[in-house]
N, C-alpha and C. Protein backbone atom coordinates (compact mmCIF):
# COMPACT_ATOMS: atom_id res chain seq x y z
N UNK A 1 7.49 7.48 31.19
CA UNK A 1 7.10 7.08 29.86
C UNK A 1 7.78 7.93 28.79
N UNK A 2 7.94 9.21 29.06
CA UNK A 2 8.56 10.08 28.06
C UNK A 2 9.99 9.66 27.79
N UNK A 3 10.73 9.25 28.83
CA UNK A 3 12.10 8.79 28.63
C UNK A 3 12.12 7.51 27.81
N UNK A 4 11.20 6.61 28.09
CA UNK A 4 11.09 5.37 27.31
C UNK A 4 10.80 5.70 25.86
N UNK A 5 9.93 6.64 25.63
CA UNK A 5 9.59 7.06 24.28
C UNK A 5 10.81 7.61 23.56
N UNK A 6 11.56 8.48 24.21
CA UNK A 6 12.75 9.05 23.58
C UNK A 6 13.80 7.98 23.31
N UNK A 7 14.00 7.06 24.24
CA UNK A 7 15.03 6.04 24.11
C UNK A 7 14.71 5.06 22.99
N UNK A 8 13.45 4.64 22.89
CA UNK A 8 13.07 3.62 21.91
C UNK A 8 12.64 4.19 20.57
N UNK A 9 12.28 5.47 20.55
CA UNK A 9 11.75 6.05 19.32
C UNK A 9 10.28 5.75 19.12
N UNK A 10 9.67 5.10 20.09
CA UNK A 10 8.24 4.79 20.02
C UNK A 10 7.47 6.00 20.52
N UNK A 11 6.54 6.52 19.73
CA UNK A 11 5.79 7.69 20.17
C UNK A 11 5.07 7.44 21.50
N UNK A 12 4.96 8.50 22.28
CA UNK A 12 4.34 8.40 23.61
C UNK A 12 2.91 7.87 23.53
N UNK A 13 2.16 8.25 22.49
CA UNK A 13 0.77 7.78 22.41
C UNK A 13 0.71 6.27 22.29
N UNK A 14 1.73 5.64 21.70
CA UNK A 14 1.74 4.19 21.58
C UNK A 14 2.03 3.52 22.91
N UNK A 15 2.57 4.28 23.83
CA UNK A 15 2.83 3.76 25.17
C UNK A 15 1.67 4.06 26.11
N UNK A 16 0.57 4.48 25.54
CA UNK A 16 -0.68 4.75 26.24
C UNK A 16 -0.55 5.85 27.28
N UNK A 17 0.09 6.93 26.88
CA UNK A 17 0.18 8.09 27.76
C UNK A 17 -0.68 9.19 27.18
N UNK A 18 -1.38 9.89 28.02
CA UNK A 18 -2.19 11.01 27.56
C UNK A 18 -3.40 10.55 26.78
N UNK A 19 -4.18 11.53 26.36
CA UNK A 19 -5.39 11.24 25.58
C UNK A 19 -5.32 12.04 24.30
N UNK A 20 -5.27 11.33 23.20
CA UNK A 20 -5.28 11.98 21.90
C UNK A 20 -6.52 11.53 21.15
N UNK A 21 -6.87 12.34 20.17
CA UNK A 21 -8.01 11.98 19.33
C UNK A 21 -7.58 10.93 18.33
N UNK A 22 -8.56 10.27 17.70
CA UNK A 22 -8.27 9.27 16.68
C UNK A 22 -7.48 9.90 15.54
N UNK A 23 -7.89 11.10 15.12
CA UNK A 23 -7.22 11.76 14.01
C UNK A 23 -5.78 12.09 14.39
N UNK A 24 -5.57 12.53 15.60
CA UNK A 24 -4.23 12.83 16.08
C UNK A 24 -3.38 11.56 16.07
N UNK A 25 -3.94 10.46 16.53
CA UNK A 25 -3.21 9.19 16.53
C UNK A 25 -2.87 8.73 15.12
N UNK A 26 -3.79 8.95 14.18
CA UNK A 26 -3.56 8.56 12.79
C UNK A 26 -2.37 9.33 12.22
N UNK A 27 -2.30 10.62 12.50
CA UNK A 27 -1.18 11.43 12.03
C UNK A 27 0.12 11.01 12.71
N UNK A 28 0.04 10.69 13.99
CA UNK A 28 1.23 10.24 14.71
C UNK A 28 1.70 8.89 14.20
N UNK A 29 0.77 8.02 13.82
CA UNK A 29 1.14 6.73 13.24
C UNK A 29 1.90 6.94 11.94
N UNK A 30 1.42 7.83 11.10
CA UNK A 30 2.10 8.16 9.86
C UNK A 30 3.50 8.69 10.14
N UNK A 31 3.62 9.58 11.10
CA UNK A 31 4.91 10.14 11.48
C UNK A 31 5.85 9.04 11.99
N UNK A 32 5.34 8.13 12.81
CA UNK A 32 6.15 7.03 13.34
C UNK A 32 6.67 6.14 12.22
N UNK A 33 5.80 5.78 11.30
CA UNK A 33 6.21 4.89 10.21
C UNK A 33 7.26 5.58 9.33
N UNK A 34 7.02 6.83 8.96
CA UNK A 34 7.93 7.50 8.03
C UNK A 34 9.23 7.96 8.67
N UNK A 35 9.19 8.41 9.91
CA UNK A 35 10.39 9.00 10.52
C UNK A 35 11.13 8.08 11.47
N UNK A 36 10.52 7.01 11.92
CA UNK A 36 11.20 6.09 12.85
C UNK A 36 11.36 4.72 12.22
N UNK A 37 10.26 4.11 11.87
CA UNK A 37 10.28 2.73 11.41
C UNK A 37 10.99 2.56 10.07
N UNK A 38 10.79 3.49 9.14
CA UNK A 38 11.38 3.34 7.80
C UNK A 38 12.90 3.28 7.83
N UNK A 39 13.53 3.98 8.77
CA UNK A 39 14.99 3.92 8.88
C UNK A 39 15.44 2.49 9.15
N UNK A 40 14.72 1.78 9.99
CA UNK A 40 15.04 0.38 10.29
C UNK A 40 14.67 -0.52 9.12
N UNK A 41 13.50 -0.29 8.55
CA UNK A 41 13.00 -1.14 7.47
C UNK A 41 13.94 -1.12 6.27
N UNK A 42 14.40 0.06 5.88
CA UNK A 42 15.31 0.16 4.73
C UNK A 42 16.59 -0.62 5.00
N UNK A 43 17.11 -0.51 6.21
CA UNK A 43 18.31 -1.27 6.57
C UNK A 43 18.09 -2.76 6.51
N UNK A 44 16.94 -3.22 7.03
CA UNK A 44 16.62 -4.64 6.99
C UNK A 44 16.46 -5.13 5.56
N UNK A 45 15.79 -4.35 4.73
CA UNK A 45 15.60 -4.73 3.32
C UNK A 45 16.94 -4.90 2.62
N UNK A 46 17.84 -3.95 2.84
CA UNK A 46 19.14 -4.01 2.18
C UNK A 46 19.96 -5.20 2.68
N UNK A 47 19.99 -5.39 4.00
CA UNK A 47 20.76 -6.49 4.56
C UNK A 47 20.21 -7.84 4.14
N UNK A 48 18.91 -8.02 4.23
CA UNK A 48 18.31 -9.30 3.89
C UNK A 48 18.42 -9.58 2.39
N UNK A 49 18.29 -8.55 1.56
CA UNK A 49 18.47 -8.75 0.12
C UNK A 49 19.89 -9.22 -0.16
N UNK A 50 20.85 -8.61 0.52
CA UNK A 50 22.26 -8.96 0.34
C UNK A 50 22.54 -10.39 0.81
N UNK A 51 21.99 -10.76 1.95
CA UNK A 51 22.30 -12.06 2.55
C UNK A 51 21.45 -13.21 2.03
N UNK A 52 20.23 -12.96 1.65
CA UNK A 52 19.31 -14.05 1.32
C UNK A 52 19.16 -14.33 -0.17
N UNK A 53 19.49 -13.36 -1.01
CA UNK A 53 19.33 -13.57 -2.45
C UNK A 53 20.64 -14.02 -3.07
N UNK A 54 20.53 -14.90 -4.05
CA UNK A 54 21.72 -15.37 -4.76
C UNK A 54 22.23 -14.28 -5.69
N UNK A 55 23.44 -14.45 -6.16
CA UNK A 55 24.02 -13.50 -7.11
C UNK A 55 23.16 -13.42 -8.37
N UNK A 56 22.64 -14.57 -8.80
CA UNK A 56 21.78 -14.61 -9.99
C UNK A 56 20.50 -13.80 -9.76
N UNK A 57 19.90 -13.96 -8.58
CA UNK A 57 18.67 -13.21 -8.27
C UNK A 57 18.94 -11.71 -8.23
N UNK A 58 20.06 -11.34 -7.62
CA UNK A 58 20.40 -9.91 -7.54
C UNK A 58 20.65 -9.35 -8.94
N UNK A 59 21.33 -10.12 -9.79
CA UNK A 59 21.61 -9.66 -11.16
C UNK A 59 20.32 -9.51 -11.96
N UNK A 60 19.31 -10.32 -11.62
CA UNK A 60 18.02 -10.23 -12.31
C UNK A 60 17.18 -9.08 -11.79
N UNK A 61 17.69 -8.39 -10.75
CA UNK A 61 16.96 -7.24 -10.22
C UNK A 61 16.01 -7.58 -9.08
N UNK A 62 16.08 -8.81 -8.58
CA UNK A 62 15.22 -9.19 -7.46
C UNK A 62 15.67 -8.49 -6.18
N UNK A 63 14.74 -8.24 -5.31
CA UNK A 63 15.04 -7.61 -4.03
C UNK A 63 13.94 -7.94 -3.04
N UNK A 64 14.19 -7.70 -1.78
CA UNK A 64 13.19 -7.92 -0.74
C UNK A 64 12.64 -6.56 -0.32
N UNK A 65 11.34 -6.52 -0.07
CA UNK A 65 10.70 -5.25 0.29
C UNK A 65 9.59 -5.52 1.31
N UNK A 66 9.56 -4.71 2.35
CA UNK A 66 8.45 -4.76 3.32
C UNK A 66 7.30 -3.94 2.77
N UNK A 67 6.09 -4.38 3.03
CA UNK A 67 4.91 -3.61 2.63
C UNK A 67 4.45 -2.79 3.83
N UNK A 68 5.03 -1.60 4.00
CA UNK A 68 4.64 -0.75 5.12
C UNK A 68 3.34 -0.03 4.84
N UNK A 69 2.85 -0.13 3.62
CA UNK A 69 1.57 0.48 3.28
C UNK A 69 0.44 -0.04 4.15
N UNK A 70 0.58 -1.28 4.60
CA UNK A 70 -0.42 -1.87 5.49
C UNK A 70 -0.52 -1.06 6.77
N UNK A 71 0.61 -0.55 7.25
CA UNK A 71 0.61 0.24 8.48
C UNK A 71 0.00 1.62 8.28
N UNK A 72 -0.07 2.05 7.03
CA UNK A 72 -0.55 3.39 6.74
C UNK A 72 -2.00 3.42 6.26
N UNK A 73 -2.66 2.29 6.30
CA UNK A 73 -4.05 2.24 5.86
C UNK A 73 -4.92 3.15 6.70
N UNK A 74 -5.80 3.82 6.03
CA UNK A 74 -6.77 4.64 6.75
C UNK A 74 -7.98 3.81 7.12
N UNK A 75 -9.07 4.46 7.37
CA UNK A 75 -10.30 3.75 7.68
C UNK A 75 -10.88 3.17 6.39
N UNK A 76 -11.85 2.27 6.53
CA UNK A 76 -12.44 1.58 5.38
C UNK A 76 -13.02 2.55 4.35
N UNK A 77 -13.69 3.59 4.81
CA UNK A 77 -14.32 4.54 3.90
C UNK A 77 -13.26 5.24 3.05
N UNK A 78 -12.18 5.68 3.68
CA UNK A 78 -11.12 6.38 2.95
C UNK A 78 -10.45 5.46 1.94
N UNK A 79 -10.20 4.20 2.34
CA UNK A 79 -9.57 3.25 1.42
C UNK A 79 -10.48 2.98 0.24
N UNK A 80 -11.79 2.79 0.49
CA UNK A 80 -12.74 2.52 -0.59
C UNK A 80 -12.78 3.68 -1.57
N UNK A 81 -12.80 4.90 -1.07
CA UNK A 81 -12.81 6.08 -1.94
C UNK A 81 -11.52 6.16 -2.76
N UNK A 82 -10.39 5.88 -2.12
CA UNK A 82 -9.10 5.91 -2.82
C UNK A 82 -9.07 4.87 -3.93
N UNK A 83 -9.45 3.63 -3.61
CA UNK A 83 -9.45 2.57 -4.62
C UNK A 83 -10.40 2.90 -5.77
N UNK A 84 -11.58 3.43 -5.46
CA UNK A 84 -12.55 3.78 -6.50
C UNK A 84 -11.95 4.80 -7.46
N UNK A 85 -11.26 5.79 -6.93
CA UNK A 85 -10.63 6.80 -7.79
C UNK A 85 -9.52 6.19 -8.63
N UNK A 86 -8.72 5.33 -8.02
CA UNK A 86 -7.60 4.73 -8.75
C UNK A 86 -8.09 3.80 -9.86
N UNK A 87 -9.17 3.05 -9.60
CA UNK A 87 -9.72 2.15 -10.62
C UNK A 87 -10.41 2.96 -11.71
N UNK A 88 -11.19 3.96 -11.34
CA UNK A 88 -11.93 4.72 -12.35
C UNK A 88 -11.01 5.56 -13.22
N UNK A 89 -9.81 5.84 -12.75
CA UNK A 89 -8.84 6.58 -13.55
C UNK A 89 -7.82 5.67 -14.23
N UNK A 90 -8.08 4.37 -14.21
CA UNK A 90 -7.23 3.35 -14.86
C UNK A 90 -5.80 3.35 -14.33
N UNK A 91 -5.63 3.71 -13.08
CA UNK A 91 -4.30 3.65 -12.46
C UNK A 91 -4.10 2.26 -11.86
N UNK A 92 -5.14 1.73 -11.23
CA UNK A 92 -5.15 0.36 -10.73
C UNK A 92 -6.25 -0.40 -11.45
N UNK A 93 -6.06 -1.72 -11.55
CA UNK A 93 -7.16 -2.57 -11.99
C UNK A 93 -7.80 -3.14 -10.71
N UNK A 94 -9.01 -3.67 -10.79
CA UNK A 94 -9.66 -4.20 -9.58
C UNK A 94 -8.81 -5.23 -8.83
N UNK A 95 -8.08 -6.07 -9.55
CA UNK A 95 -7.25 -7.06 -8.87
C UNK A 95 -6.10 -6.42 -8.09
N UNK A 96 -5.61 -5.27 -8.53
CA UNK A 96 -4.58 -4.56 -7.76
C UNK A 96 -5.13 -4.21 -6.38
N UNK A 97 -6.32 -3.66 -6.36
CA UNK A 97 -6.96 -3.27 -5.09
C UNK A 97 -7.20 -4.49 -4.22
N UNK A 98 -7.63 -5.57 -4.83
CA UNK A 98 -7.87 -6.80 -4.08
C UNK A 98 -6.56 -7.32 -3.48
N UNK A 99 -5.47 -7.21 -4.22
CA UNK A 99 -4.17 -7.65 -3.70
C UNK A 99 -3.75 -6.80 -2.51
N UNK A 100 -3.97 -5.50 -2.58
CA UNK A 100 -3.63 -4.62 -1.45
C UNK A 100 -4.41 -5.00 -0.20
N UNK A 101 -5.60 -5.55 -0.39
CA UNK A 101 -6.44 -5.94 0.73
C UNK A 101 -6.27 -7.42 1.09
N UNK A 102 -5.22 -8.06 0.54
CA UNK A 102 -4.92 -9.46 0.82
C UNK A 102 -6.06 -10.38 0.37
N UNK A 103 -6.68 -10.04 -0.77
CA UNK A 103 -7.76 -10.85 -1.32
C UNK A 103 -7.28 -11.50 -2.61
N UNK A 104 -7.90 -12.62 -2.98
CA UNK A 104 -7.56 -13.30 -4.22
C UNK A 104 -8.07 -12.51 -5.41
N UNK A 105 -7.43 -12.69 -6.59
CA UNK A 105 -7.93 -12.03 -7.80
C UNK A 105 -9.30 -12.56 -8.18
N UNK A 106 -10.02 -11.78 -8.96
CA UNK A 106 -11.31 -12.22 -9.47
C UNK A 106 -11.10 -13.37 -10.45
N UNK A 107 -12.07 -14.26 -10.60
CA UNK A 107 -11.89 -15.43 -11.47
C UNK A 107 -11.77 -15.05 -12.95
N UNK A 108 -11.10 -15.92 -13.67
CA UNK A 108 -10.96 -15.81 -15.13
C UNK A 108 -10.28 -14.53 -15.59
N UNK A 109 -9.52 -13.90 -14.73
CA UNK A 109 -8.76 -12.71 -15.12
C UNK A 109 -9.59 -11.46 -15.33
N UNK A 110 -10.87 -11.48 -14.96
CA UNK A 110 -11.71 -10.31 -15.23
C UNK A 110 -11.30 -9.10 -14.39
N UNK A 111 -10.67 -9.34 -13.25
CA UNK A 111 -10.23 -8.21 -12.42
C UNK A 111 -8.91 -7.64 -12.86
N UNK A 112 -8.26 -8.28 -13.82
CA UNK A 112 -6.96 -7.80 -14.30
C UNK A 112 -7.11 -6.75 -15.40
N UNK A 113 -8.33 -6.57 -15.88
CA UNK A 113 -8.56 -5.57 -16.93
C UNK A 113 -8.72 -4.19 -16.31
N UNK A 114 -8.12 -3.22 -16.96
CA UNK A 114 -8.26 -1.84 -16.50
C UNK A 114 -9.58 -1.29 -16.99
N UNK A 115 -10.22 -0.50 -16.16
CA UNK A 115 -11.51 0.09 -16.49
C UNK A 115 -11.31 1.55 -16.84
N UNK A 116 -12.19 2.05 -17.69
CA UNK A 116 -12.16 3.46 -18.03
C UNK A 116 -13.45 4.09 -17.53
N UNK A 117 -13.42 5.37 -17.29
CA UNK A 117 -14.56 6.03 -16.66
C UNK A 117 -15.80 6.04 -17.54
N UNK A 118 -15.63 6.07 -18.84
CA UNK A 118 -16.80 6.11 -19.71
C UNK A 118 -17.50 4.75 -19.66
N UNK A 119 -18.63 4.71 -18.98
CA UNK A 119 -19.43 3.50 -18.80
C UNK A 119 -18.71 2.41 -18.00
N UNK A 120 -17.58 2.71 -17.42
CA UNK A 120 -16.80 1.76 -16.64
C UNK A 120 -16.61 0.44 -17.38
N UNK A 121 -16.22 0.52 -18.62
CA UNK A 121 -15.94 -0.67 -19.41
C UNK A 121 -14.44 -0.88 -19.42
N UNK A 122 -14.01 -2.04 -19.88
CA UNK A 122 -12.57 -2.28 -19.92
C UNK A 122 -11.95 -1.46 -21.05
N UNK A 123 -10.74 -1.06 -20.83
CA UNK A 123 -10.02 -0.26 -21.82
C UNK A 123 -9.90 -1.03 -23.13
N UNK A 124 -9.68 -2.33 -23.03
CA UNK A 124 -9.54 -3.17 -24.23
C UNK A 124 -10.81 -3.11 -25.08
N UNK A 125 -11.98 -3.23 -24.44
CA UNK A 125 -13.25 -3.22 -25.18
C UNK A 125 -13.52 -1.85 -25.79
N UNK A 126 -13.20 -0.80 -25.06
CA UNK A 126 -13.41 0.55 -25.59
C UNK A 126 -12.54 0.77 -26.81
N UNK A 127 -11.29 0.36 -26.73
CA UNK A 127 -10.38 0.54 -27.86
C UNK A 127 -10.78 -0.33 -29.04
N UNK A 128 -11.27 -1.54 -28.76
CA UNK A 128 -11.67 -2.46 -29.82
C UNK A 128 -12.91 -1.96 -30.55
N UNK A 129 -13.89 -1.47 -29.80
CA UNK A 129 -15.15 -1.05 -30.42
C UNK A 129 -15.03 0.32 -31.09
N UNK A 130 -14.16 1.15 -30.54
CA UNK A 130 -13.97 2.48 -31.10
C UNK A 130 -15.08 3.46 -30.76
N UNK A 131 -16.13 3.00 -30.10
CA UNK A 131 -17.25 3.89 -29.79
C UNK A 131 -17.24 4.35 -28.35
N UNK A 132 -16.52 3.64 -27.51
CA UNK A 132 -16.52 3.99 -26.10
C UNK A 132 -17.72 3.45 -25.36
N UNK A 133 -18.54 2.62 -26.03
CA UNK A 133 -19.72 2.07 -25.37
C UNK A 133 -19.59 0.58 -25.13
N UNK A 134 -18.38 0.05 -25.28
CA UNK A 134 -18.15 -1.37 -25.01
C UNK A 134 -18.72 -2.21 -26.05
């Protein structure tokens, strides 16, 4: 198995050798994605962008990109805590988080508004009212 691992670049734990803890596997998954898989992914992105996009699309700045973030997802609790921090700090809007989770946006564009930590109101309402109380 070790020779197969070295030849393919697939970590030994993925070939079901030995016993590692969940945390150890999580770190090894991160290492595999960043140090093995990304080298291939970047090459595929460049080649497919070159071959599949028209000259007009390339000139407009279009490109193809793999979402490897899906491979790097942690457990549900960690993701929920991360999203909560990103939304409460107005880095992501709720619809951004829903998109990362392959969910549809909230109806009527309400999830597209950025929230601010003061009373968790939308930034637009806080700026409009001037009081910070929505």
